[in-house]
Amino acid sequence: MNTRATLVASARTITLSDGIDALTMRRVAKECGLGTMTAYRHFANKESLLGEIAFEGFDLFCDYFYRALSGPTPADRLWLCGKHYLDFATQNPRYYEAMFTVADPATRSETQMATALQFLTDRVAEARDEHTMDSSWNKATALSLFSHCHGMVVLHLAARYDPALDFPTFFKQSLLSSLVGANLVPADYRPPEETS
């Protein structure tokens, strides 16, 4: 038995079914049929165990993000980054929580986050090259777009918006406004899912 992998599998099950607050080192160990001290020999604390869950979440997140490459134009690929961000967060809220609320994420998750941000920066650069000649602030624009999407999703997952609000529609309208405002897509841009 690979004890470390067994502990991670148990932590994943608990986190995805019951949430981060339900995860304790004692519960993880008990569900594996191990003593609590055995769990602590493999992981310093709950946060380091959650770092492993966050790492798995970032792998899945990147899979969603890379689907944007299916867009036929730079504007479509940039739009799809935002759409797939929303899809990932709403379809995997517990992974999302582990990825973005863990106080001490694993160093490898930081690398994955940097990779995802670079992917978005590349999409900004290709969209910007199509519509303007200025590409000096692609990374700042990508980070701004990421922050915008992240803030909206966090508020949604925390139930901070009016429950009657059609959040996916609101998110997409806000994303489109941001892309047009940053001159990344033309003012008359129609996202792929709305052109059919």
N, C-alpha and C. Protein backbone atom coordinates (compact mmCIF):
# COMPACT_ATOMS: atom_id res chain seq x y z
N MET A 1 0.84 -1.18 0.00
CA MET A 1 0.00 0.00 0.00
C MET A 1 0.89 1.24 0.00
N ASN A 2 0.58 2.19 -0.90
CA ASN A 2 1.26 3.47 -0.92
C ASN A 2 0.48 4.39 0.03
N THR A 3 1.00 4.53 1.23
CA THR A 3 0.28 5.25 2.29
C THR A 3 -0.01 6.69 1.90
N ARG A 4 0.98 7.35 1.34
CA ARG A 4 0.80 8.75 0.95
C ARG A 4 -0.35 8.89 -0.06
N ALA A 5 -0.35 8.06 -1.09
CA ALA A 5 -1.40 8.11 -2.12
C ALA A 5 -2.76 7.77 -1.52
N THR A 6 -2.78 6.83 -0.57
CA THR A 6 -4.04 6.46 0.08
C THR A 6 -4.59 7.62 0.89
N LEU A 7 -3.72 8.32 1.59
CA LEU A 7 -4.14 9.49 2.36
C LEU A 7 -4.69 10.59 1.45
N VAL A 8 -4.02 10.82 0.33
CA VAL A 8 -4.49 11.84 -0.62
C VAL A 8 -5.85 11.44 -1.19
N ALA A 9 -6.01 10.17 -1.53
CA ALA A 9 -7.29 9.69 -2.08
C ALA A 9 -8.41 9.89 -1.06
N SER A 10 -8.14 9.59 0.19
CA SER A 10 -9.14 9.78 1.23
C SER A 10 -9.47 11.26 1.40
N ALA A 11 -8.43 12.09 1.41
CA ALA A 11 -8.64 13.54 1.56
C ALA A 11 -9.45 14.08 0.39
N ARG A 12 -9.16 13.60 -0.81
CA ARG A 12 -9.91 14.03 -2.00
C ARG A 12 -11.39 13.68 -1.83
N THR A 13 -11.67 12.44 -1.43
CA THR A 13 -13.05 11.99 -1.26
C THR A 13 -13.79 12.86 -0.24
N ILE A 14 -13.15 13.10 0.88
CA ILE A 14 -13.77 13.92 1.94
C ILE A 14 -14.01 15.34 1.43
N THR A 15 -12.98 15.92 0.83
CA THR A 15 -13.08 17.31 0.37
C THR A 15 -14.15 17.48 -0.70
N LEU A 16 -14.16 16.58 -1.67
CA LEU A 16 -15.12 16.72 -2.77
C LEU A 16 -16.55 16.39 -2.35
N SER A 17 -16.70 15.52 -1.35
CA SER A 17 -18.06 15.17 -0.93
C SER A 17 -18.58 16.09 0.18
N ASP A 18 -17.72 16.46 1.13
CA ASP A 18 -18.19 17.19 2.30
C ASP A 18 -17.60 18.59 2.46
N GLY A 19 -16.60 18.94 1.67
CA GLY A 19 -16.00 20.28 1.74
C GLY A 19 -14.75 20.33 2.61
N ILE A 20 -14.03 21.42 2.47
CA ILE A 20 -12.76 21.60 3.18
C ILE A 20 -12.95 21.58 4.69
N ASP A 21 -14.02 22.17 5.18
CA ASP A 21 -14.22 22.22 6.64
C ASP A 21 -14.37 20.84 7.26
N ALA A 22 -14.80 19.86 6.48
CA ALA A 22 -14.97 18.50 6.99
C ALA A 22 -13.66 17.73 7.04
N LEU A 23 -12.64 18.26 6.40
CA LEU A 23 -11.36 17.56 6.32
C LEU A 23 -10.52 17.79 7.58
N THR A 24 -10.17 16.69 8.23
CA THR A 24 -9.23 16.75 9.35
C THR A 24 -8.22 15.63 9.17
N MET A 25 -7.07 15.79 9.73
CA MET A 25 -6.05 14.74 9.65
C MET A 25 -6.57 13.47 10.32
N ARG A 26 -7.27 13.62 11.41
CA ARG A 26 -7.82 12.47 12.13
C ARG A 26 -8.82 11.70 11.26
N ARG A 27 -9.72 12.43 10.60
CA ARG A 27 -10.72 11.77 9.75
C ARG A 27 -10.07 11.07 8.56
N VAL A 28 -9.11 11.72 7.94
CA VAL A 28 -8.41 11.11 6.80
C VAL A 28 -7.76 9.81 7.24
N ALA A 29 -7.03 9.86 8.33
CA ALA A 29 -6.34 8.66 8.82
C ALA A 29 -7.34 7.56 9.17
N LYS A 30 -8.40 7.92 9.86
CA LYS A 30 -9.40 6.93 10.27
C LYS A 30 -10.01 6.25 9.05
N GLU A 31 -10.35 7.03 8.01
CA GLU A 31 -10.97 6.45 6.82
C GLU A 31 -10.00 5.57 6.04
N CYS A 32 -8.71 5.72 6.29
CA CYS A 32 -7.70 4.86 5.64
C CYS A 32 -7.35 3.67 6.52
N GLY A 33 -7.90 3.63 7.74
CA GLY A 33 -7.57 2.56 8.66
C GLY A 33 -6.18 2.74 9.27
N LEU A 34 -5.75 3.99 9.37
CA LEU A 34 -4.42 4.32 9.90
C LEU A 34 -4.55 5.17 11.15
N GLY A 35 -3.46 5.26 11.88
CA GLY A 35 -3.42 6.15 13.02
C GLY A 35 -3.15 7.58 12.58
N THR A 36 -3.60 8.52 13.37
CA THR A 36 -3.42 9.94 13.04
C THR A 36 -1.94 10.28 12.89
N MET A 37 -1.10 9.71 13.72
CA MET A 37 0.34 10.02 13.64
C MET A 37 0.94 9.55 12.31
N THR A 38 0.40 8.49 11.74
CA THR A 38 0.86 8.03 10.43
C THR A 38 0.58 9.10 9.38
N ALA A 39 -0.60 9.70 9.45
CA ALA A 39 -0.94 10.77 8.52
C ALA A 39 0.03 11.93 8.68
N TYR A 40 0.37 12.27 9.92
CA TYR A 40 1.28 13.38 10.18
C TYR A 40 2.72 13.06 9.74
N ARG A 41 3.07 11.80 9.63
CA ARG A 41 4.40 11.45 9.13
C ARG A 41 4.51 11.76 7.63
N HIS A 42 3.38 11.76 6.93
CA HIS A 42 3.38 12.01 5.49
C HIS A 42 3.03 13.45 5.13
N PHE A 43 2.25 14.10 6.00
CA PHE A 43 1.82 15.48 5.74
C PHE A 43 1.93 16.27 7.04
N ALA A 44 2.53 17.45 6.95
CA ALA A 44 2.75 18.26 8.15
C ALA A 44 1.45 18.72 8.79
N ASN A 45 0.44 18.95 7.96
CA ASN A 45 -0.83 19.47 8.47
C ASN A 45 -1.91 19.34 7.39
N LYS A 46 -3.09 19.77 7.74
CA LYS A 46 -4.22 19.71 6.82
C LYS A 46 -3.93 20.52 5.55
N GLU A 47 -3.29 21.67 5.71
CA GLU A 47 -3.02 22.54 4.56
C GLU A 47 -2.09 21.87 3.56
N SER A 48 -1.10 21.12 4.04
CA SER A 48 -0.20 20.45 3.10
C SER A 48 -0.93 19.33 2.36
N LEU A 49 -1.86 18.68 3.03
CA LEU A 49 -2.70 17.67 2.38
C LEU A 49 -3.62 18.32 1.36
N LEU A 50 -4.19 19.47 1.72
CA LEU A 50 -5.03 20.22 0.78
C LEU A 50 -4.23 20.72 -0.42
N GLY A 51 -2.93 20.95 -0.22
CA GLY A 51 -2.08 21.34 -1.34
C GLY A 51 -2.07 20.28 -2.42
N GLU A 52 -2.14 19.01 -2.02
CA GLU A 52 -2.20 17.92 -3.00
C GLU A 52 -3.53 17.94 -3.76
N ILE A 53 -4.61 18.26 -3.06
CA ILE A 53 -5.92 18.37 -3.70
C ILE A 53 -5.91 19.56 -4.66
N ALA A 54 -5.31 20.65 -4.23
CA ALA A 54 -5.20 21.83 -5.09
C ALA A 54 -4.41 21.51 -6.35
N PHE A 55 -3.35 20.74 -6.20
CA PHE A 55 -2.54 20.35 -7.36
C PHE A 55 -3.38 19.58 -8.37
N GLU A 56 -4.17 18.63 -7.89
CA GLU A 56 -5.07 17.88 -8.76
C GLU A 56 -6.09 18.82 -9.42
N GLY A 57 -6.60 19.76 -8.64
CA GLY A 57 -7.56 20.73 -9.17
C GLY A 57 -6.96 21.57 -10.28
N PHE A 58 -5.71 22.00 -10.10
CA PHE A 58 -5.05 22.80 -11.13
C PHE A 58 -4.84 21.99 -12.41
N ASP A 59 -4.56 20.71 -12.27
CA ASP A 59 -4.45 19.87 -13.48
C ASP A 59 -5.77 19.88 -14.25
N LEU A 60 -6.86 19.69 -13.53
CA LEU A 60 -8.17 19.69 -14.16
C LEU A 60 -8.50 21.08 -14.72
N PHE A 61 -8.18 22.11 -13.96
CA PHE A 61 -8.40 23.49 -14.40
C PHE A 61 -7.68 23.76 -15.73
N CYS A 62 -6.43 23.33 -15.82
CA CYS A 62 -5.67 23.55 -17.06
C CYS A 62 -6.31 22.79 -18.22
N ASP A 63 -6.83 21.60 -17.96
CA ASP A 63 -7.54 20.86 -19.01
C ASP A 63 -8.73 21.68 -19.54
N TYR A 64 -9.48 22.29 -18.64
CA TYR A 64 -10.60 23.14 -19.06
C TYR A 64 -10.09 24.35 -19.85
N PHE A 65 -9.06 25.00 -19.32
CA PHE A 65 -8.52 26.22 -19.93
C PHE A 65 -8.03 25.94 -21.34
N TYR A 66 -7.33 24.84 -21.53
CA TYR A 66 -6.74 24.54 -22.83
C TYR A 66 -7.80 24.22 -23.89
N ARG A 67 -9.02 23.95 -23.47
CA ARG A 67 -10.11 23.74 -24.44
C ARG A 67 -10.35 25.00 -25.28
N ALA A 68 -9.89 26.13 -24.77
CA ALA A 68 -10.06 27.39 -25.51
C ALA A 68 -9.35 27.35 -26.86
N LEU A 69 -8.37 26.48 -27.00
CA LEU A 69 -7.64 26.39 -28.26
C LEU A 69 -8.53 25.92 -29.41
N SER A 70 -9.72 25.42 -29.10
CA SER A 70 -10.64 24.98 -30.16
C SER A 70 -11.27 26.16 -30.89
N GLY A 71 -11.16 27.36 -30.32
CA GLY A 71 -11.73 28.54 -30.98
C GLY A 71 -11.01 28.86 -32.28
N PRO A 72 -11.74 29.18 -33.33
CA PRO A 72 -11.11 29.42 -34.63
C PRO A 72 -10.38 30.75 -34.77
N THR A 73 -10.70 31.74 -33.92
CA THR A 73 -10.04 33.04 -34.03
C THR A 73 -9.42 33.40 -32.68
N PRO A 74 -8.47 34.35 -32.67
CA PRO A 74 -7.90 34.79 -31.39
C PRO A 74 -8.98 35.32 -30.43
N ALA A 75 -9.95 36.05 -30.93
CA ALA A 75 -11.02 36.57 -30.07
C ALA A 75 -11.82 35.41 -29.47
N ASP A 76 -12.11 34.41 -30.29
CA ASP A 76 -12.86 33.25 -29.78
C ASP A 76 -12.06 32.50 -28.72
N ARG A 77 -10.77 32.34 -28.95
CA ARG A 77 -9.94 31.61 -27.97
C ARG A 77 -9.88 32.37 -26.65
N LEU A 78 -9.79 33.69 -26.71
CA LEU A 78 -9.76 34.49 -25.49
C LEU A 78 -11.11 34.40 -24.77
N TRP A 79 -12.20 34.52 -25.51
CA TRP A 79 -13.53 34.39 -24.93
C TRP A 79 -13.69 33.03 -24.26
N LEU A 80 -13.26 31.98 -24.95
CA LEU A 80 -13.41 30.63 -24.42
C LEU A 80 -12.59 30.41 -23.15
N CYS A 81 -11.48 31.13 -22.99
CA CYS A 81 -10.74 31.05 -21.71
C CYS A 81 -11.67 31.44 -20.56
N GLY A 82 -12.38 32.55 -20.74
CA GLY A 82 -13.30 32.99 -19.70
C GLY A 82 -14.46 32.03 -19.50
N LYS A 83 -15.03 31.55 -20.59
CA LYS A 83 -16.15 30.62 -20.50
C LYS A 83 -15.74 29.33 -19.79
N HIS A 84 -14.57 28.80 -20.14
CA HIS A 84 -14.12 27.56 -19.52
C HIS A 84 -13.69 27.77 -18.07
N TYR A 85 -13.24 28.98 -17.74
CA TYR A 85 -12.96 29.31 -16.35
C TYR A 85 -14.24 29.16 -15.54
N LEU A 86 -15.33 29.76 -16.04
CA LEU A 86 -16.62 29.66 -15.36
C LEU A 86 -17.09 28.21 -15.29
N ASP A 87 -16.96 27.48 -16.39
CA ASP A 87 -17.37 26.08 -16.41
C ASP A 87 -16.63 25.27 -15.34
N PHE A 88 -15.31 25.45 -15.28
CA PHE A 88 -14.54 24.70 -14.29
C PHE A 88 -15.02 25.03 -12.88
N ALA A 89 -15.13 26.32 -12.58
CA ALA A 89 -15.47 26.73 -11.21
C ALA A 89 -16.85 26.25 -10.79
N THR A 90 -17.81 26.32 -11.68
CA THR A 90 -19.17 25.93 -11.30
C THR A 90 -19.36 24.42 -11.31
N GLN A 91 -18.58 23.71 -12.11
CA GLN A 91 -18.69 22.26 -12.16
C GLN A 91 -17.80 21.57 -11.11
N ASN A 92 -16.83 22.29 -10.57
CA ASN A 92 -15.88 21.72 -9.61
C ASN A 92 -15.65 22.69 -8.44
N PRO A 93 -16.72 23.12 -7.75
CA PRO A 93 -16.54 24.15 -6.73
C PRO A 93 -15.64 23.75 -5.57
N ARG A 94 -15.59 22.48 -5.24
CA ARG A 94 -14.75 22.08 -4.11
C ARG A 94 -13.28 22.07 -4.49
N TYR A 95 -12.97 21.66 -5.72
CA TYR A 95 -11.59 21.80 -6.19
C TYR A 95 -11.22 23.28 -6.23
N TYR A 96 -12.12 24.10 -6.74
CA TYR A 96 -11.88 25.54 -6.84
C TYR A 96 -11.56 26.12 -5.47
N GLU A 97 -12.34 25.73 -4.48
CA GLU A 97 -12.12 26.19 -3.12
C GLU A 97 -10.74 25.76 -2.61
N ALA A 98 -10.38 24.51 -2.84
CA ALA A 98 -9.07 24.02 -2.39
C ALA A 98 -7.94 24.76 -3.10
N MET A 99 -8.12 25.05 -4.38
CA MET A 99 -7.09 25.72 -5.16
C MET A 99 -6.85 27.15 -4.70
N PHE A 100 -7.93 27.85 -4.35
CA PHE A 100 -7.81 29.29 -4.13
C PHE A 100 -8.03 29.76 -2.70
N THR A 101 -8.32 28.84 -1.78
CA THR A 101 -8.49 29.28 -0.39
C THR A 101 -7.50 28.61 0.56
N VAL A 102 -6.71 27.69 0.07
CA VAL A 102 -5.72 27.03 0.92
C VAL A 102 -4.61 28.03 1.23
N ALA A 103 -4.28 28.17 2.50
CA ALA A 103 -3.29 29.17 2.90
C ALA A 103 -1.90 28.87 2.36
N ASP A 104 -1.54 27.60 2.25
CA ASP A 104 -0.17 27.25 1.85
C ASP A 104 -0.22 26.19 0.74
N PRO A 105 -0.56 26.62 -0.50
CA PRO A 105 -0.65 25.63 -1.58
C PRO A 105 0.71 25.04 -1.90
N ALA A 106 0.69 23.85 -2.46
CA ALA A 106 1.93 23.19 -2.83
C ALA A 106 2.67 24.03 -3.87
N THR A 107 3.98 24.01 -3.82
CA THR A 107 4.80 24.76 -4.77
C THR A 107 4.46 24.37 -6.20
N ARG A 108 4.16 23.10 -6.43
CA ARG A 108 3.82 22.69 -7.79
C ARG A 108 2.55 23.35 -8.26
N SER A 109 1.60 23.65 -7.38
CA SER A 109 0.39 24.35 -7.78
C SER A 109 0.72 25.76 -8.24
N GLU A 110 1.70 26.38 -7.60
CA GLU A 110 2.13 27.72 -8.01
C GLU A 110 2.67 27.68 -9.44
N THR A 111 3.37 26.61 -9.77
CA THR A 111 3.88 26.44 -11.13
C THR A 111 2.72 26.27 -12.11
N GLN A 112 1.73 25.49 -11.73
CA GLN A 112 0.55 25.31 -12.58
C GLN A 112 -0.19 26.63 -12.78
N MET A 113 -0.31 27.42 -11.72
CA MET A 113 -0.98 28.71 -11.83
C MET A 113 -0.22 29.62 -12.78
N ALA A 114 1.10 29.61 -12.67
CA ALA A 114 1.92 30.43 -13.57
C ALA A 114 1.74 29.97 -15.02
N THR A 115 1.63 28.68 -15.23
CA THR A 115 1.41 28.13 -16.58
C THR A 115 0.06 28.58 -17.12
N ALA A 116 -0.98 28.51 -16.29
CA ALA A 116 -2.32 28.93 -16.72
C ALA A 116 -2.33 30.43 -17.04
N LEU A 117 -1.65 31.22 -16.21
CA LEU A 117 -1.59 32.66 -16.47
C LEU A 117 -0.82 32.95 -17.76
N GLN A 118 0.23 32.18 -18.02
CA GLN A 118 0.97 32.37 -19.27
C GLN A 118 0.10 32.00 -20.47
N PHE A 119 -0.70 30.95 -20.33
CA PHE A 119 -1.62 30.56 -21.40
C PHE A 119 -2.59 31.70 -21.71
N LEU A 120 -3.14 32.31 -20.65
CA LEU A 120 -4.06 33.43 -20.84
C LEU A 120 -3.33 34.63 -21.43
N THR A 121 -2.11 34.88 -20.96
CA THR A 121 -1.30 35.98 -21.52
C THR A 121 -1.08 35.78 -23.01
N ASP A 122 -0.82 34.56 -23.42
CA ASP A 122 -0.63 34.26 -24.84
C ASP A 122 -1.91 34.52 -25.63
N ARG A 123 -3.07 34.21 -25.05
CA ARG A 123 -4.33 34.48 -25.73
C ARG A 123 -4.57 35.98 -25.85
N VAL A 124 -4.23 36.72 -24.80
CA VAL A 124 -4.34 38.19 -24.85
C VAL A 124 -3.42 38.73 -25.94
N ALA A 125 -2.19 38.22 -25.97
CA ALA A 125 -1.22 38.70 -26.97
C ALA A 125 -1.71 38.46 -28.39
N GLU A 126 -2.26 37.27 -28.64
CA GLU A 126 -2.70 37.01 -30.01
C GLU A 126 -3.93 37.83 -30.36
N ALA A 127 -4.84 38.07 -29.40
CA ALA A 127 -6.01 38.92 -29.67
C ALA A 127 -5.59 40.38 -29.85
N ARG A 128 -4.67 40.82 -29.05
CA ARG A 128 -4.19 42.20 -29.13
C ARG A 128 -3.49 42.44 -30.47
N ASP A 129 -2.68 41.50 -30.90
CA ASP A 129 -1.97 41.65 -32.17
C ASP A 129 -2.95 41.77 -33.33
N GLU A 130 -4.11 41.14 -33.18
CA GLU A 130 -5.10 41.20 -34.25
C GLU A 130 -5.80 42.55 -34.30
N HIS A 131 -5.91 43.24 -33.15
CA HIS A 131 -6.69 44.47 -33.10
C HIS A 131 -5.89 45.74 -32.82
N THR A 132 -4.72 45.63 -32.27
CA THR A 132 -3.90 46.82 -32.00
C THR A 132 -2.44 46.46 -32.19
N MET A 133 -1.60 47.47 -32.20
CA MET A 133 -0.17 47.24 -32.35
C MET A 133 0.55 47.20 -31.00
N ASP A 134 -0.11 47.63 -29.94
CA ASP A 134 0.52 47.72 -28.62
C ASP A 134 0.39 46.41 -27.86
N SER A 135 1.50 45.73 -27.61
CA SER A 135 1.45 44.46 -26.87
C SER A 135 2.27 44.52 -25.58
N SER A 136 2.55 45.73 -25.11
CA SER A 136 3.45 45.88 -23.96
C SER A 136 2.82 45.48 -22.63
N TRP A 137 1.52 45.40 -22.54
CA TRP A 137 0.92 45.08 -21.24
C TRP A 137 0.06 43.82 -21.28
N ASN A 138 0.43 42.85 -22.09
CA ASN A 138 -0.33 41.61 -22.21
C ASN A 138 -0.48 40.87 -20.88
N LYS A 139 0.62 40.77 -20.13
CA LYS A 139 0.55 40.02 -18.87
C LYS A 139 -0.33 40.74 -17.85
N ALA A 140 -0.20 42.06 -17.79
CA ALA A 140 -1.03 42.83 -16.85
C ALA A 140 -2.51 42.71 -17.24
N THR A 141 -2.79 42.73 -18.52
CA THR A 141 -4.17 42.58 -18.98
C THR A 141 -4.69 41.19 -18.66
N ALA A 142 -3.87 40.17 -18.90
CA ALA A 142 -4.27 38.80 -18.58
C ALA A 142 -4.55 38.65 -17.09
N LEU A 143 -3.69 39.21 -16.25
CA LEU A 143 -3.89 39.12 -14.81
C LEU A 143 -5.16 39.87 -14.39
N SER A 144 -5.42 40.99 -15.03
CA SER A 144 -6.63 41.74 -14.74
C SER A 144 -7.88 40.94 -15.11
N LEU A 145 -7.85 40.30 -16.29
CA LEU A 145 -8.98 39.48 -16.72
C LEU A 145 -9.18 38.29 -15.77
N PHE A 146 -8.07 37.65 -15.40
CA PHE A 146 -8.14 36.52 -14.48
C PHE A 146 -8.75 36.97 -13.14
N SER A 147 -8.29 38.10 -12.64
CA SER A 147 -8.78 38.62 -11.37
C SER A 147 -10.27 38.95 -11.44
N HIS A 148 -10.67 39.51 -12.55
CA HIS A 148 -12.08 39.84 -12.76
C HIS A 148 -12.94 38.57 -12.70
N CYS A 149 -12.54 37.56 -13.47
CA CYS A 149 -13.27 36.29 -13.48
C CYS A 149 -13.26 35.64 -12.09
N HIS A 150 -12.10 35.64 -11.47
CA HIS A 150 -11.95 35.02 -10.15
C HIS A 150 -12.85 35.70 -9.12
N GLY A 151 -12.82 37.02 -9.09
CA GLY A 151 -13.65 37.74 -8.12
C GLY A 151 -15.13 37.45 -8.29
N MET A 152 -15.58 37.44 -9.54
CA MET A 152 -17.00 37.16 -9.78
C MET A 152 -17.36 35.74 -9.34
N VAL A 153 -16.50 34.78 -9.66
CA VAL A 153 -16.79 33.39 -9.30
C VAL A 153 -16.77 33.20 -7.79
N VAL A 154 -15.81 33.79 -7.10
CA VAL A 154 -15.75 33.67 -5.65
C VAL A 154 -17.03 34.22 -5.01
N LEU A 155 -17.47 35.38 -5.48
CA LEU A 155 -18.71 35.94 -4.95
C LEU A 155 -19.91 35.04 -5.25
N HIS A 156 -19.93 34.46 -6.43
CA HIS A 156 -21.02 33.55 -6.80
C HIS A 156 -21.01 32.30 -5.91
N LEU A 157 -19.85 31.68 -5.76
CA LEU A 157 -19.76 30.45 -4.96
C LEU A 157 -20.07 30.71 -3.49
N ALA A 158 -19.82 31.94 -3.03
CA ALA A 158 -20.13 32.30 -1.65
C ALA A 158 -21.57 32.79 -1.50
N ALA A 159 -22.34 32.70 -2.59
CA ALA A 159 -23.75 33.12 -2.59
C ALA A 159 -23.92 34.59 -2.22
N ARG A 160 -23.04 35.44 -2.76
CA ARG A 160 -23.09 36.87 -2.47
C ARG A 160 -23.89 37.67 -3.49
N TYR A 161 -24.29 37.01 -4.58
CA TYR A 161 -25.14 37.67 -5.57
C TYR A 161 -26.59 37.35 -5.26
N ASP A 162 -27.49 38.16 -5.76
CA ASP A 162 -28.92 37.91 -5.64
C ASP A 162 -29.22 36.53 -6.22
N PRO A 163 -29.88 35.65 -5.47
CA PRO A 163 -30.15 34.29 -5.97
C PRO A 163 -30.97 34.27 -7.26
N ALA A 164 -31.73 35.34 -7.51
CA ALA A 164 -32.54 35.40 -8.74
C ALA A 164 -31.69 35.74 -9.96
N LEU A 165 -30.46 36.17 -9.74
CA LEU A 165 -29.58 36.55 -10.84
C LEU A 165 -29.18 35.33 -11.66
N ASP A 166 -29.27 35.42 -12.96
CA ASP A 166 -28.77 34.37 -13.85
C ASP A 166 -27.25 34.58 -13.95
N PHE A 167 -26.52 33.95 -13.02
CA PHE A 167 -25.10 34.24 -12.92
C PHE A 167 -24.32 33.93 -14.19
N PRO A 168 -24.50 32.79 -14.85
CA PRO A 168 -23.72 32.55 -16.07
C PRO A 168 -23.90 33.65 -17.12
N THR A 169 -25.12 34.11 -17.29
CA THR A 169 -25.36 35.19 -18.26
C THR A 169 -24.68 36.47 -17.81
N PHE A 170 -24.82 36.80 -16.53
CA PHE A 170 -24.19 38.00 -15.97
C PHE A 170 -22.66 37.93 -16.13
N PHE A 171 -22.09 36.77 -15.82
CA PHE A 171 -20.64 36.58 -15.95
C PHE A 171 -20.21 36.82 -17.40
N LYS A 172 -20.91 36.22 -18.35
CA LYS A 172 -20.53 36.35 -19.75
C LYS A 172 -20.68 37.77 -20.25
N GLN A 173 -21.73 38.48 -19.80
CA GLN A 173 -21.89 39.88 -20.19
C GLN A 173 -20.75 40.73 -19.64
N SER A 174 -20.39 40.48 -18.41
CA SER A 174 -19.30 41.22 -17.79
C SER A 174 -17.96 40.91 -18.46
N LEU A 175 -17.73 39.64 -18.78
CA LEU A 175 -16.51 39.25 -19.48
C LEU A 175 -16.44 39.94 -20.84
N LEU A 176 -17.53 39.92 -21.56
CA LEU A 176 -17.55 40.56 -22.88
C LEU A 176 -17.27 42.05 -22.77
N SER A 177 -17.86 42.71 -21.78
CA SER A 177 -17.60 44.13 -21.57
C SER A 177 -16.12 44.38 -21.29
N SER A 178 -15.52 43.51 -20.50
CA SER A 178 -14.09 43.65 -20.20
C SER A 178 -13.23 43.47 -21.44
N LEU A 179 -13.57 42.48 -22.27
CA LEU A 179 -12.78 42.22 -23.48
C LEU A 179 -12.91 43.36 -24.48
N VAL A 180 -14.12 43.88 -24.62
CA VAL A 180 -14.34 45.01 -25.52
C VAL A 180 -13.63 46.24 -24.97
N GLY A 181 -13.77 46.48 -23.66
CA GLY A 181 -13.15 47.64 -23.02
C GLY A 181 -11.63 47.64 -23.13
N ALA A 182 -11.04 46.47 -23.13
CA ALA A 182 -9.58 46.35 -23.26
C ALA A 182 -9.15 46.31 -24.72
N ASN A 183 -10.11 46.47 -25.62
CA ASN A 183 -9.85 46.46 -27.06
C ASN A 183 -9.21 45.14 -27.51
N LEU A 184 -9.68 44.05 -26.89
CA LEU A 184 -9.20 42.73 -27.25
C LEU A 184 -10.12 42.03 -28.25
N VAL A 185 -11.36 42.47 -28.27
CA VAL A 185 -12.32 42.00 -29.27
C VAL A 185 -13.04 43.22 -29.80
N PRO A 186 -13.54 43.17 -31.04
CA PRO A 186 -14.28 44.32 -31.57
C PRO A 186 -15.60 44.54 -30.82
N ALA A 187 -16.09 45.75 -30.84
CA ALA A 187 -17.32 46.10 -30.13
C ALA A 187 -18.51 45.27 -30.58
N ASP A 188 -18.50 44.79 -31.82
CA ASP A 188 -19.61 43.99 -32.33
C ASP A 188 -19.33 42.48 -32.25
N TYR A 189 -18.35 42.10 -31.45
CA TYR A 189 -17.97 40.69 -31.32
C TYR A 189 -19.14 39.86 -30.81
N ARG A 190 -19.36 38.70 -31.41
CA ARG A 190 -20.37 37.75 -30.99
C ARG A 190 -19.67 36.48 -30.54
N PRO A 191 -19.76 36.11 -29.28
CA PRO A 191 -19.12 34.88 -28.81
C PRO A 191 -19.61 33.66 -29.58
N PRO A 192 -18.76 32.66 -29.73
CA PRO A 192 -19.10 31.47 -30.54
C PRO A 192 -20.43 30.82 -30.20
N GLU A 193 -20.74 30.70 -28.93
CA GLU A 193 -21.97 30.01 -28.55
C GLU A 193 -23.22 30.81 -28.89
N GLU A 194 -23.06 32.08 -29.22
CA GLU A 194 -24.22 32.92 -29.52
C GLU A 194 -24.38 33.23 -31.00
N THR A 195 -23.49 32.72 -31.84
CA THR A 195 -23.57 33.01 -33.28
C THR A 195 -24.40 32.00 -34.02
N SER A 196 -24.73 30.88 -33.40
CA SER A 196 -25.48 29.84 -34.12
C SER A 196 -26.95 30.16 -34.21
